[in-house]
Full PDB file with SEQRES, HELIX, SHEET, SSBOND, CRYST1, ORIGX, SCALE, CONECT and MASTER records, all heavy atoms in Angstrom:
SEQRES   1 A   40  ALA LEU ASN VAL LYS ALA ALA ALA GLY ILE THR ASP GLU          
SEQRES   2 A   40  LYS GLU MET LEU ASP LYS ILE HIS ASP GLN LEU VAL GLY          
SEQRES   3 A   40  THR CYS ALA GLY TYR VAL THR PRO VAL SER ARG ASP GLU          
SEQRES   4 A   40  VAL                                                          
HELIX    1 AA1 LEU A    2  ALA A    6  1                                   5    
HELIX    2 AA2 GLU A   13  LEU A   24  1                                  12    
CRYST1    1.000    1.000    1.000  90.00  90.00  90.00 P 1           1          
ORIGX1      1.000000  0.000000  0.000000        0.00000                         
ORIGX2      0.000000  1.000000  0.000000        0.00000                         
ORIGX3      0.000000  0.000000  1.000000        0.00000                         
SCALE1      1.000000  0.000000  0.000000        0.00000                         
SCALE2      0.000000  1.000000  0.000000        0.00000                         
SCALE3      0.000000  0.000000  1.000000        0.00000                         
ATOM      1  N   ALA A   1       0.771  -1.258  -0.009  1.00  0.00           N  
ATOM      2  CA  ALA A   1      -0.025  -0.014   0.108  1.00  0.00           C  
ATOM      3  C   ALA A   1       0.814   1.235   0.024  1.00  0.00           C  
ATOM      4  O   ALA A   1       0.469   2.257  -0.694  1.00  0.00           O  
ATOM      5  CB  ALA A   1      -0.979  -0.020   1.283  1.00  0.00           C  
ATOM      6  N   LEU A   2       2.031   1.203   0.607  1.00  0.00           N  
ATOM      7  CA  LEU A   2       2.934   2.407   0.713  1.00  0.00           C  
ATOM      8  C   LEU A   2       3.483   2.583  -0.738  1.00  0.00           C  
ATOM      9  O   LEU A   2       3.421   3.750  -1.226  1.00  0.00           O  
ATOM     10  CB  LEU A   2       4.119   2.104   1.561  1.00  0.00           C  
ATOM     11  CG  LEU A   2       3.831   1.872   2.975  1.00  0.00           C  
ATOM     12  CD1 LEU A   2       5.031   1.339   3.765  1.00  0.00           C  
ATOM     13  CD2 LEU A   2       3.458   3.265   3.726  1.00  0.00           C  
ATOM     14  N   ASN A   3       3.798   1.514  -1.425  1.00  0.00           N  
ATOM     15  CA  ASN A   3       4.223   1.638  -2.884  1.00  0.00           C  
ATOM     16  C   ASN A   3       3.114   2.291  -3.734  1.00  0.00           C  
ATOM     17  O   ASN A   3       3.383   3.178  -4.541  1.00  0.00           O  
ATOM     18  CB  ASN A   3       4.649   0.409  -3.456  1.00  0.00           C  
ATOM     19  CG  ASN A   3       5.871  -0.189  -2.686  1.00  0.00           C  
ATOM     20  OD1 ASN A   3       6.382   0.413  -1.880  1.00  0.00           O  
ATOM     21  ND2 ASN A   3       6.261  -1.402  -3.131  1.00  0.00           N  
ATOM     22  N   VAL A   4       1.884   1.837  -3.551  1.00  0.00           N  
ATOM     23  CA  VAL A   4       0.830   2.182  -4.420  1.00  0.00           C  
ATOM     24  C   VAL A   4       0.589   3.738  -4.133  1.00  0.00           C  
ATOM     25  O   VAL A   4       0.433   4.494  -5.043  1.00  0.00           O  
ATOM     26  CB  VAL A   4      -0.521   1.470  -4.110  1.00  0.00           C  
ATOM     27  CG1 VAL A   4      -1.684   2.089  -4.904  1.00  0.00           C  
ATOM     28  CG2 VAL A   4      -0.339   0.006  -4.467  1.00  0.00           C  
ATOM     29  N   LYS A   5       0.562   4.099  -2.891  1.00  0.00           N  
ATOM     30  CA  LYS A   5       0.347   5.583  -2.616  1.00  0.00           C  
ATOM     31  C   LYS A   5       1.541   6.426  -3.060  1.00  0.00           C  
ATOM     32  O   LYS A   5       1.283   7.467  -3.701  1.00  0.00           O  
ATOM     33  CB  LYS A   5       0.361   5.840  -1.125  1.00  0.00           C  
ATOM     34  CG  LYS A   5       0.089   7.264  -0.654  1.00  0.00           C  
ATOM     35  CD  LYS A   5      -0.107   7.418   0.891  1.00  0.00           C  
ATOM     36  CE  LYS A   5      -0.298   8.930   1.056  1.00  0.00           C  
ATOM     37  NZ  LYS A   5      -0.545   9.255   2.435  1.00  0.00           N  
ATOM     38  N   ALA A   6       2.797   5.974  -2.974  1.00  0.00           N  
ATOM     39  CA  ALA A   6       3.939   6.768  -3.466  1.00  0.00           C  
ATOM     40  C   ALA A   6       3.945   6.922  -4.939  1.00  0.00           C  
ATOM     41  O   ALA A   6       4.390   7.913  -5.458  1.00  0.00           O  
ATOM     42  CB  ALA A   6       5.226   6.071  -2.945  1.00  0.00           C  
ATOM     43  N   ALA A   7       3.375   5.883  -5.664  1.00  0.00           N  
ATOM     44  CA  ALA A   7       3.439   5.970  -7.129  1.00  0.00           C  
ATOM     45  C   ALA A   7       2.193   6.521  -7.702  1.00  0.00           C  
ATOM     46  O   ALA A   7       2.014   6.573  -8.991  1.00  0.00           O  
ATOM     47  CB  ALA A   7       3.640   4.563  -7.656  1.00  0.00           C  
ATOM     48  N   ALA A   8       1.235   7.059  -6.966  1.00  0.00           N  
ATOM     49  CA  ALA A   8      -0.064   7.544  -7.531  1.00  0.00           C  
ATOM     50  C   ALA A   8       0.073   8.525  -8.510  1.00  0.00           C  
ATOM     51  O   ALA A   8       0.895   9.509  -8.273  1.00  0.00           O  
ATOM     52  CB  ALA A   8      -0.934   8.034  -6.257  1.00  0.00           C  
ATOM     53  N   GLY A   9      -0.541   8.286  -9.660  1.00  0.00           N  
ATOM     54  CA  GLY A   9      -0.617   9.434 -10.671  1.00  0.00           C  
ATOM     55  C   GLY A   9       0.641   9.413 -11.576  1.00  0.00           C  
ATOM     56  O   GLY A   9       0.772  10.242 -12.602  1.00  0.00           O  
ATOM     57  N   ILE A  10       1.677   8.532 -11.376  1.00  0.00           N  
ATOM     58  CA  ILE A  10       2.862   8.517 -12.220  1.00  0.00           C  
ATOM     59  C   ILE A  10       2.750   7.395 -13.237  1.00  0.00           C  
ATOM     60  O   ILE A  10       2.467   6.197 -12.782  1.00  0.00           O  
ATOM     61  CB  ILE A  10       4.083   8.396 -11.228  1.00  0.00           C  
ATOM     62  CG1 ILE A  10       4.177   9.499 -10.329  1.00  0.00           C  
ATOM     63  CG2 ILE A  10       5.404   8.239 -12.165  1.00  0.00           C  
ATOM     64  CD1 ILE A  10       5.258   9.384  -9.236  1.00  0.00           C  
ATOM     65  N   THR A  11       2.992   7.723 -14.446  1.00  0.00           N  
ATOM     66  CA  THR A  11       2.893   6.639 -15.414  1.00  0.00           C  
ATOM     67  C   THR A  11       4.307   6.368 -16.044  1.00  0.00           C  
ATOM     68  O   THR A  11       4.503   5.077 -16.525  1.00  0.00           O  
ATOM     69  CB  THR A  11       2.069   7.059 -16.809  1.00  0.00           C  
ATOM     70  OG1 THR A  11       2.577   8.266 -17.209  1.00  0.00           O  
ATOM     71  CG2 THR A  11       0.585   7.243 -16.234  1.00  0.00           C  
ATOM     72  N   ASP A  12       5.368   7.181 -15.786  1.00  0.00           N  
ATOM     73  CA  ASP A  12       6.631   6.869 -16.252  1.00  0.00           C  
ATOM     74  C   ASP A  12       7.357   5.959 -15.168  1.00  0.00           C  
ATOM     75  O   ASP A  12       7.373   6.302 -13.879  1.00  0.00           O  
ATOM     76  CB  ASP A  12       7.534   8.121 -16.482  1.00  0.00           C  
ATOM     77  CG  ASP A  12       8.899   7.844 -16.752  1.00  0.00           C  
ATOM     78  OD1 ASP A  12       9.144   7.539 -17.921  1.00  0.00           O  
ATOM     79  OD2 ASP A  12       9.802   7.994 -15.815  1.00  0.00           O  
ATOM     80  N   GLU A  13       7.881   4.708 -15.582  1.00  0.00           N  
ATOM     81  CA  GLU A  13       8.359   3.814 -14.580  1.00  0.00           C  
ATOM     82  C   GLU A  13       9.500   4.239 -13.821  1.00  0.00           C  
ATOM     83  O   GLU A  13       9.663   4.125 -12.669  1.00  0.00           O  
ATOM     84  CB  GLU A  13       8.628   2.549 -15.276  1.00  0.00           C  
ATOM     85  CG  GLU A  13       8.880   1.337 -14.264  1.00  0.00           C  
ATOM     86  CD  GLU A  13       8.933  -0.051 -14.837  1.00  0.00           C  
ATOM     87  OE1 GLU A  13       8.616  -0.139 -16.034  1.00  0.00           O  
ATOM     88  OE2 GLU A  13       9.270  -0.929 -14.110  1.00  0.00           O  
ATOM     89  N   LYS A  14      10.509   4.945 -14.572  1.00  0.00           N  
ATOM     90  CA  LYS A  14      11.706   5.448 -13.838  1.00  0.00           C  
ATOM     91  C   LYS A  14      11.349   6.568 -12.855  1.00  0.00           C  
ATOM     92  O   LYS A  14      11.642   6.515 -11.685  1.00  0.00           O  
ATOM     93  CB  LYS A  14      12.721   6.131 -14.771  1.00  0.00           C  
ATOM     94  CG  LYS A  14      13.919   6.572 -13.965  1.00  0.00           C  
ATOM     95  CD  LYS A  14      15.119   7.097 -14.984  1.00  0.00           C  
ATOM     96  CE  LYS A  14      16.228   7.658 -14.302  1.00  0.00           C  
ATOM     97  NZ  LYS A  14      16.218   7.808 -12.808  1.00  0.00           N  
ATOM     98  N   GLU A  15      10.394   7.416 -13.166  1.00  0.00           N  
ATOM     99  CA  GLU A  15       9.846   8.508 -12.263  1.00  0.00           C  
ATOM    100  C   GLU A  15       9.191   7.785 -10.955  1.00  0.00           C  
ATOM    101  O   GLU A  15       9.389   8.188  -9.878  1.00  0.00           O  
ATOM    102  CB  GLU A  15       9.026   9.367 -13.000  1.00  0.00           C  
ATOM    103  CG  GLU A  15       8.479  10.527 -12.029  1.00  0.00           C  
ATOM    104  CD  GLU A  15       7.447  11.341 -12.820  1.00  0.00           C  
ATOM    105  OE1 GLU A  15       7.156  11.330 -14.084  1.00  0.00           O  
ATOM    106  OE2 GLU A  15       6.855  12.235 -12.077  1.00  0.00           O  
ATOM    107  N   MET A  16       8.425   6.713 -11.336  1.00  0.00           N  
ATOM    108  CA  MET A  16       7.730   6.092 -10.318  1.00  0.00           C  
ATOM    109  C   MET A  16       8.676   5.465  -9.277  1.00  0.00           C  
ATOM    110  O   MET A  16       8.578   5.555  -8.178  1.00  0.00           O  
ATOM    111  CB  MET A  16       6.771   4.938 -10.884  1.00  0.00           C  
ATOM    112  CG  MET A  16       6.122   4.143  -9.714  1.00  0.00           C  
ATOM    113  SD  MET A  16       5.315   2.699 -10.368  1.00  0.00           S  
ATOM    114  CE  MET A  16       6.883   1.773 -10.923  1.00  0.00           C  
ATOM    115  N   LEU A  17       9.736   4.669  -9.849  1.00  0.00           N  
ATOM    116  CA  LEU A  17      10.652   4.109  -9.017  1.00  0.00           C  
ATOM    117  C   LEU A  17      11.546   5.137  -8.127  1.00  0.00           C  
ATOM    118  O   LEU A  17      11.769   4.795  -6.950  1.00  0.00           O  
ATOM    119  CB  LEU A  17      11.675   3.228  -9.788  1.00  0.00           C  
ATOM    120  CG  LEU A  17      10.932   1.876 -10.356  1.00  0.00           C  
ATOM    121  CD1 LEU A  17      11.916   1.203 -11.364  1.00  0.00           C  
ATOM    122  CD2 LEU A  17      10.461   1.051  -9.346  1.00  0.00           C  
ATOM    123  N   ASP A  18      11.830   6.236  -8.698  1.00  0.00           N  
ATOM    124  CA  ASP A  18      12.521   7.242  -8.002  1.00  0.00           C  
ATOM    125  C   ASP A  18      11.651   7.837  -6.889  1.00  0.00           C  
ATOM    126  O   ASP A  18      12.053   8.041  -5.724  1.00  0.00           O  
ATOM    127  CB  ASP A  18      12.879   8.429  -8.900  1.00  0.00           C  
ATOM    128  CG  ASP A  18      13.998   8.120  -9.927  1.00  0.00           C  
ATOM    129  OD1 ASP A  18      14.780   7.020  -9.628  1.00  0.00           O  
ATOM    130  OD2 ASP A  18      14.182   8.879 -10.842  1.00  0.00           O  
ATOM    131  N   LYS A  19      10.287   8.058  -7.121  1.00  0.00           N  
ATOM    132  CA  LYS A  19       9.475   8.647  -6.058  1.00  0.00           C  
ATOM    133  C   LYS A  19       9.266   7.562  -5.040  1.00  0.00           C  
ATOM    134  O   LYS A  19       9.273   7.923  -3.820  1.00  0.00           O  
ATOM    135  CB  LYS A  19       8.040   8.936  -6.710  1.00  0.00           C  
ATOM    136  CG  LYS A  19       7.153   9.483  -5.580  1.00  0.00           C  
ATOM    137  CD  LYS A  19       6.182  10.482  -6.198  1.00  0.00           C  
ATOM    138  CE  LYS A  19       5.495  11.118  -4.970  1.00  0.00           C  
ATOM    139  NZ  LYS A  19       4.085  11.611  -5.183  1.00  0.00           N  
ATOM    140  N   ILE A  20       9.130   6.267  -5.403  1.00  0.00           N  
ATOM    141  CA  ILE A  20       8.876   5.195  -4.333  1.00  0.00           C  
ATOM    142  C   ILE A  20      10.194   5.165  -3.490  1.00  0.00           C  
ATOM    143  O   ILE A  20      10.129   5.115  -2.278  1.00  0.00           O  
ATOM    144  CB  ILE A  20       8.762   3.876  -4.958  1.00  0.00           C  
ATOM    145  CG1 ILE A  20       7.248   3.816  -5.534  1.00  0.00           C  
ATOM    146  CG2 ILE A  20       8.925   2.695  -4.020  1.00  0.00           C  
ATOM    147  CD1 ILE A  20       6.993   2.559  -6.312  1.00  0.00           C  
ATOM    148  N   HIS A  21      11.528   5.370  -4.161  1.00  0.00           N  
ATOM    149  CA  HIS A  21      12.602   5.417  -3.504  1.00  0.00           C  
ATOM    150  C   HIS A  21      12.679   6.465  -2.395  1.00  0.00           C  
ATOM    151  O   HIS A  21      12.935   6.299  -1.346  1.00  0.00           O  
ATOM    152  CB  HIS A  21      13.942   5.440  -4.376  1.00  0.00           C  
ATOM    153  CG  HIS A  21      15.221   5.472  -3.746  1.00  0.00           C  
ATOM    154  ND1 HIS A  21      15.620   6.670  -3.149  1.00  0.00           N  
ATOM    155  CD2 HIS A  21      16.082   4.485  -3.367  1.00  0.00           C  
ATOM    156  CE1 HIS A  21      16.857   6.454  -2.536  1.00  0.00           C  
ATOM    157  NE2 HIS A  21      17.067   5.035  -2.680  1.00  0.00           N  
ATOM    158  N   ASP A  22      12.293   7.618  -2.833  1.00  0.00           N  
ATOM    159  CA  ASP A  22      12.281   8.797  -2.007  1.00  0.00           C  
ATOM    160  C   ASP A  22      11.297   8.618  -0.699  1.00  0.00           C  
ATOM    161  O   ASP A  22      11.660   8.976   0.312  1.00  0.00           O  
ATOM    162  CB  ASP A  22      11.948  10.173  -2.684  1.00  0.00           C  
ATOM    163  CG  ASP A  22      12.924  10.603  -3.757  1.00  0.00           C  
ATOM    164  OD1 ASP A  22      14.079  10.111  -3.646  1.00  0.00           O  
ATOM    165  OD2 ASP A  22      12.476  11.411  -4.647  1.00  0.00           O  
ATOM    166  N   GLN A  23      10.147   8.072  -0.965  1.00  0.00           N  
ATOM    167  CA  GLN A  23       9.164   7.749   0.054  1.00  0.00           C  
ATOM    168  C   GLN A  23       9.645   6.678   1.054  1.00  0.00           C  
ATOM    169  O   GLN A  23       9.327   6.715   2.250  1.00  0.00           O  
ATOM    170  CB  GLN A  23       7.800   7.373  -0.524  1.00  0.00           C  
ATOM    171  CG  GLN A  23       7.233   8.344  -1.412  1.00  0.00           C  
ATOM    172  CD  GLN A  23       6.682   9.554  -0.662  1.00  0.00           C  
ATOM    173  OE1 GLN A  23       6.132   9.322   0.547  1.00  0.00           O  
ATOM    174  NE2 GLN A  23       6.890  10.740  -1.026  1.00  0.00           N  
ATOM    175  N   LEU A  24      10.419   5.682   0.574  1.00  0.00           N  
ATOM    176  CA  LEU A  24      10.838   4.544   1.338  1.00  0.00           C  
ATOM    177  C   LEU A  24      12.209   4.592   1.970  1.00  0.00           C  
ATOM    178  O   LEU A  24      12.703   3.616   2.385  1.00  0.00           O  
ATOM    179  CB  LEU A  24      10.490   3.270   0.646  1.00  0.00           C  
ATOM    180  CG  LEU A  24       9.087   3.032   0.183  1.00  0.00           C  
ATOM    181  CD1 LEU A  24       8.943   1.827  -0.527  1.00  0.00           C  
ATOM    182  CD2 LEU A  24       8.180   3.165   1.374  1.00  0.00           C  
ATOM    183  N   VAL A  25      12.826   5.690   1.855  1.00  0.00           N  
ATOM    184  CA  VAL A  25      14.308   5.789   2.282  1.00  0.00           C  
ATOM    185  C   VAL A  25      14.292   5.387   3.883  1.00  0.00           C  
ATOM    186  O   VAL A  25      13.436   5.952   4.577  1.00  0.00           O  
ATOM    187  CB  VAL A  25      14.750   7.243   2.173  1.00  0.00           C  
ATOM    188  CG1 VAL A  25      16.095   7.433   2.818  1.00  0.00           C  
ATOM    189  CG2 VAL A  25      15.220   7.494   0.624  1.00  0.00           C  
ATOM    190  N   GLY A  26      15.221   4.576   4.107  1.00  0.00           N  
ATOM    191  CA  GLY A  26      15.450   4.098   5.451  1.00  0.00           C  
ATOM    192  C   GLY A  26      14.544   2.959   5.928  1.00  0.00           C  
ATOM    193  O   GLY A  26      14.700   2.606   7.098  1.00  0.00           O  
ATOM    194  N   THR A  27      13.763   2.410   5.023  1.00  0.00           N  
ATOM    195  CA  THR A  27      12.931   1.285   5.368  1.00  0.00           C  
ATOM    196  C   THR A  27      13.611  -0.097   5.156  1.00  0.00           C  
ATOM    197  O   THR A  27      13.083  -1.066   5.784  1.00  0.00           O  
ATOM    198  CB  THR A  27      11.544   1.338   4.628  1.00  0.00           C  
ATOM    199  OG1 THR A  27      11.727   1.169   3.261  1.00  0.00           O  
ATOM    200  CG2 THR A  27      10.759   2.671   4.938  1.00  0.00           C  
ATOM    201  N   CYS A  28      14.595  -0.086   4.216  1.00  0.00           N  
ATOM    202  CA  CYS A  28      15.311  -1.369   4.082  1.00  0.00           C  
ATOM    203  C   CYS A  28      16.589  -1.053   3.354  1.00  0.00           C  
ATOM    204  O   CYS A  28      16.857   0.058   2.820  1.00  0.00           O  
ATOM    205  CB  CYS A  28      14.352  -2.333   3.339  1.00  0.00           C  
ATOM    206  SG  CYS A  28      14.208  -2.036   1.567  1.00  0.00           S  
ATOM    207  N   ALA A  29      17.334  -2.134   3.065  1.00  0.00           N  
ATOM    208  CA  ALA A  29      18.710  -1.886   2.368  1.00  0.00           C  
ATOM    209  C   ALA A  29      18.579  -1.368   1.021  1.00  0.00           C  
ATOM    210  O   ALA A  29      19.483  -0.791   0.495  1.00  0.00           O  
ATOM    211  CB  ALA A  29      19.438  -3.229   2.371  1.00  0.00           C  
ATOM    212  N   GLY A  30      17.496  -1.650   0.364  1.00  0.00           N  
ATOM    213  CA  GLY A  30      17.267  -1.163  -0.982  1.00  0.00           C  
ATOM    214  C   GLY A  30      16.943   0.307  -1.067  1.00  0.00           C  
ATOM    215  O   GLY A  30      17.024   0.916  -2.132  1.00  0.00           O  
ATOM    216  N   TYR A  31      16.593   0.944   0.059  1.00  0.00           N  
ATOM    217  CA  TYR A  31      16.243   2.342   0.053  1.00  0.00           C  
ATOM    218  C   TYR A  31      17.033   3.130   1.058  1.00  0.00           C  
ATOM    219  O   TYR A  31      16.690   3.549   2.108  1.00  0.00           O  
ATOM    220  CB  TYR A  31      14.729   2.535   0.468  1.00  0.00           C  
ATOM    221  CG  TYR A  31      13.897   1.914  -0.641  1.00  0.00           C  
ATOM    222  CD1 TYR A  31      13.106   0.783  -0.260  1.00  0.00           C  
ATOM    223  CD2 TYR A  31      13.841   2.326  -2.015  1.00  0.00           C  
ATOM    224  CE1 TYR A  31      12.319   0.078  -1.245  1.00  0.00           C  
ATOM    225  CE2 TYR A  31      12.986   1.604  -2.932  1.00  0.00           C  
ATOM    226  CZ  TYR A  31      12.250   0.537  -2.497  1.00  0.00           C  
ATOM    227  OH  TYR A  31      11.406  -0.051  -3.471  1.00  0.00           O  
ATOM    228  N   VAL A  32      18.528   3.230   0.647  1.00  0.00           N  
ATOM    229  CA  VAL A  32      19.431   3.880   1.645  1.00  0.00           C  
ATOM    230  C   VAL A  32      19.186   5.350   1.537  1.00  0.00           C  
ATOM    231  O   VAL A  32      18.800   5.969   0.507  1.00  0.00           O  
ATOM    232  CB  VAL A  32      20.814   3.487   1.309  1.00  0.00           C  
ATOM    233  CG1 VAL A  32      20.979   1.959   1.518  1.00  0.00           C  
ATOM    234  CG2 VAL A  32      21.138   3.845  -0.190  1.00  0.00           C  
ATOM    235  N   THR A  33      19.577   6.044   2.606  1.00  0.00           N  
ATOM    236  CA  THR A  33      19.626   7.478   2.664  1.00  0.00           C  
ATOM    237  C   THR A  33      20.640   8.017   1.758  1.00  0.00           C  
ATOM    238  O   THR A  33      21.772   7.536   1.677  1.00  0.00           O  
ATOM    239  CB  THR A  33      19.842   7.960   4.042  1.00  0.00           C  
ATOM    240  OG1 THR A  33      18.912   7.288   4.978  1.00  0.00           O  
ATOM    241  CG2 THR A  33      19.810   9.461   4.194  1.00  0.00           C  
ATOM    242  N   PRO A  34      20.347   8.955   0.813  1.00  0.00           N  
ATOM    243  CA  PRO A  34      21.234   9.491  -0.050  1.00  0.00           C  
ATOM    244  C   PRO A  34      22.417  10.185   0.758  1.00  0.00           C  
ATOM    245  O   PRO A  34      22.122  10.880   1.805  1.00  0.00           O  
ATOM    246  CB  PRO A  34      20.480  10.380  -0.829  1.00  0.00           C  
ATOM    247  CG  PRO A  34      19.072  10.375  -0.496  1.00  0.00           C  
ATOM    248  CD  PRO A  34      18.963   9.455   0.669  1.00  0.00           C  
ATOM    249  N   VAL A  35      23.606  10.148   0.247  1.00  0.00           N  
ATOM    250  CA  VAL A  35      24.759  10.778   0.999  1.00  0.00           C  
ATOM    251  C   VAL A  35      25.154  11.970   0.078  1.00  0.00           C  
ATOM    252  O   VAL A  35      25.069  11.938  -1.182  1.00  0.00           O  
ATOM    253  CB  VAL A  35      25.866   9.884   1.157  1.00  0.00           C  
ATOM    254  CG1 VAL A  35      25.541   8.806   2.246  1.00  0.00           C  
ATOM    255  CG2 VAL A  35      26.429   9.259  -0.092  1.00  0.00           C  
ATOM    256  N   SER A  36      25.556  13.020   0.739  1.00  0.00           N  
ATOM    257  CA  SER A  36      25.979  14.228  -0.083  1.00  0.00           C  
ATOM    258  C   SER A  36      27.346  13.891  -0.581  1.00  0.00           C  
ATOM    259  O   SER A  36      28.214  13.083  -0.089  1.00  0.00           O  
ATOM    260  CB  SER A  36      26.068  15.413   0.794  1.00  0.00           C  
ATOM    261  OG  SER A  36      27.060  15.345   1.822  1.00  0.00           O  
ATOM    262  N   ARG A  37      27.778  14.777  -1.568  1.00  0.00           N  
ATOM    263  CA  ARG A  37      29.084  14.578  -2.233  1.00  0.00           C  
ATOM    264  C   ARG A  37      30.164  14.840  -1.120  1.00  0.00           C  
ATOM    265  O   ARG A  37      31.261  14.142  -1.093  1.00  0.00           O  
ATOM    266  CB  ARG A  37      29.226  15.586  -3.305  1.00  0.00           C  
ATOM    267  CG  ARG A  37      30.409  15.332  -4.212  1.00  0.00           C  
ATOM    268  CD  ARG A  37      30.290  16.055  -5.553  1.00  0.00           C  
ATOM    269  NE  ARG A  37      29.322  15.384  -6.370  1.00  0.00           N  
ATOM    270  CZ  ARG A  37      28.682  15.957  -7.443  1.00  0.00           C  
ATOM    271  NH1 ARG A  37      28.785  17.211  -7.618  1.00  0.00           N  
ATOM    272  NH2 ARG A  37      27.930  15.273  -8.160  1.00  0.00           N  
ATOM    273  N   ASP A  38      30.025  15.735  -0.164  1.00  0.00           N  
ATOM    274  CA  ASP A  38      31.027  15.997   0.902  1.00  0.00           C  
ATOM    275  C   ASP A  38      31.128  14.737   1.825  1.00  0.00           C  
ATOM    276  O   ASP A  38      32.301  14.473   2.115  1.00  0.00           O  
ATOM    277  CB  ASP A  38      30.539  17.115   1.727  1.00  0.00           C  
ATOM    278  CG  ASP A  38      30.613  18.556   0.948  1.00  0.00           C  
ATOM    279  OD1 ASP A  38      31.301  18.667  -0.056  1.00  0.00           O  
ATOM    280  OD2 ASP A  38      30.030  19.494   1.332  1.00  0.00           O  
ATOM    281  N   GLU A  39      30.008  14.185   2.153  1.00  0.00           N  
ATOM    282  CA  GLU A  39      30.140  12.959   2.857  1.00  0.00           C  
ATOM    283  C   GLU A  39      30.994  11.808   2.179  1.00  0.00           C  
ATOM    284  O   GLU A  39      31.841  11.126   2.882  1.00  0.00           O  
ATOM    285  CB  GLU A  39      28.796  12.399   3.326  1.00  0.00           C  
ATOM    286  CG  GLU A  39      28.000  13.288   4.253  1.00  0.00           C  
ATOM    287  CD  GLU A  39      26.685  12.856   4.512  1.00  0.00           C  
ATOM    288  OE1 GLU A  39      25.880  12.671   3.503  1.00  0.00           O  
ATOM    289  OE2 GLU A  39      26.285  12.708   5.708  1.00  0.00           O  
ATOM    290  N   VAL A  40      30.780  11.665   0.979  1.00  0.00           N  
ATOM    291  CA  VAL A  40      31.505  10.673   0.191  1.00  0.00           C  
ATOM    292  C   VAL A  40      33.088  11.054   0.127  1.00  0.00           C  
ATOM    293  O   VAL A  40      33.852  10.164   0.310  1.00  0.00           O  
ATOM    294  CB  VAL A  40      30.929  10.610  -1.289  1.00  0.00           C  
ATOM    295  CG1 VAL A  40      31.726   9.751  -2.164  1.00  0.00           C  
ATOM    296  CG2 VAL A  40      29.482  10.065  -1.320  1.00  0.00           C  
TER     297      VAL A  40                                                      
MASTER        0    0    0    2    0    0    0    6  296    1    0    4          
END                                                                             
């Protein structure tokens, strides 16, 4: 249900996966918190 809500209204698959990623950051290993260039 979280995925369905995050992807609502999006038809482009890449855009949908990016939005789902943003919504689910920190929920599992596949959705890691983005790191800044300075941290890297």
